[in-house]
């Protein structure tokens, strides 16, 4: 699985997405979210 974030843009302009699919097969791109964890979780 690859997660790609376009850097150098404002947070409202960047489009995070996950590209997924079988190895050597057709890839699908889905919107990605952000999870934040801290040591107290």
C-alpha atoms as a PDB file:
ATOM      1  CA  UNK A   1       0.000   0.000   0.000  1.00  0.00           C
ATOM      2  CA  UNK A   2       1.245   3.482  -0.826  1.00  0.00           C
ATOM      3  CA  UNK A   3       0.039   6.683   0.780  1.00  0.00           C
ATOM      4  CA  UNK A   4       0.902   9.829  -1.147  1.00  0.00           C
ATOM      5  CA  UNK A   5       0.646  13.409   0.074  1.00  0.00           C
ATOM      6  CA  UNK A   6       1.351  16.323  -2.252  1.00  0.00           C
ATOM      7  CA  UNK A   7       3.598  18.652  -0.279  1.00  0.00           C
ATOM      8  CA  UNK A   8       4.287  22.310  -0.920  1.00  0.00           C
ATOM      9  CA  UNK A   9       0.612  23.254  -1.037  1.00  0.00           C
ATOM     10  CA  UNK A  10      -1.755  24.722   1.506  1.00  0.00           C
ATOM     11  CA  UNK A  11      -3.648  22.085   3.521  1.00  0.00           C
ATOM     12  CA  UNK A  12      -6.850  23.095   1.701  1.00  0.00           C
ATOM     13  CA  UNK A  13      -5.257  22.505  -1.725  1.00  0.00           C
ATOM     14  CA  UNK A  14      -3.428  19.211  -1.129  1.00  0.00           C
ATOM     15  CA  UNK A  15      -5.221  16.013  -2.105  1.00  0.00           C
ATOM     16  CA  UNK A  16      -4.165  13.048   0.058  1.00  0.00           C
ATOM     17  CA  UNK A  17      -5.033   9.660  -1.415  1.00  0.00           C
ATOM     18  CA  UNK A  18      -4.328   5.968  -1.088  1.00  0.00           C
ATOM     19  CA  UNK A  19      -3.418   4.059  -4.235  1.00  0.00           C
ATOM     20  CA  UNK A  20      -4.232   0.366  -3.881  1.00  0.00           C
ATOM     21  CA  UNK A  21      -4.724  -2.803  -5.877  1.00  0.00           C
ATOM     22  CA  UNK A  22      -3.103  -6.151  -6.678  1.00  0.00           C
ATOM     23  CA  UNK A  23       0.609  -6.235  -7.517  1.00  0.00           C
ATOM     24  CA  UNK A  24       0.982  -5.716 -11.255  1.00  0.00           C
ATOM     25  CA  UNK A  25      -2.756  -5.089 -11.583  1.00  0.00           C
ATOM     26  CA  UNK A  26      -5.042  -2.119 -11.932  1.00  0.00           C
ATOM     27  CA  UNK A  27      -4.646   0.457  -9.144  1.00  0.00           C
ATOM     28  CA  UNK A  28      -7.500   2.366  -7.514  1.00  0.00           C
ATOM     29  CA  UNK A  29      -7.139   5.742  -5.811  1.00  0.00           C
ATOM     30  CA  UNK A  30      -9.266   6.530  -2.760  1.00  0.00           C
ATOM     31  CA  UNK A  31      -9.332   9.683  -0.624  1.00  0.00           C
ATOM     32  CA  UNK A  32      -7.160   9.363   2.490  1.00  0.00           C
ATOM     33  CA  UNK A  33      -7.865  10.684   5.950  1.00  0.00           C
ATOM     34  CA  UNK A  34      -5.527  11.638   8.766  1.00  0.00           C
ATOM     35  CA  UNK A  35      -5.285   9.852  12.088  1.00  0.00           C
ATOM     36  CA  UNK A  36      -3.311  11.332  14.957  1.00  0.00           C
ATOM     37  CA  UNK A  37      -2.205   9.244  17.916  1.00  0.00           C
ATOM     38  CA  UNK A  38      -0.428  10.327  21.045  1.00  0.00           C
ATOM     39  CA  UNK A  39       1.203   8.356  23.856  1.00  0.00           C
ATOM     40  CA  UNK A  40      -1.922   8.571  26.013  1.00  0.00           C
ATOM     41  CA  UNK A  41      -4.085   6.574  23.570  1.00  0.00           C
END
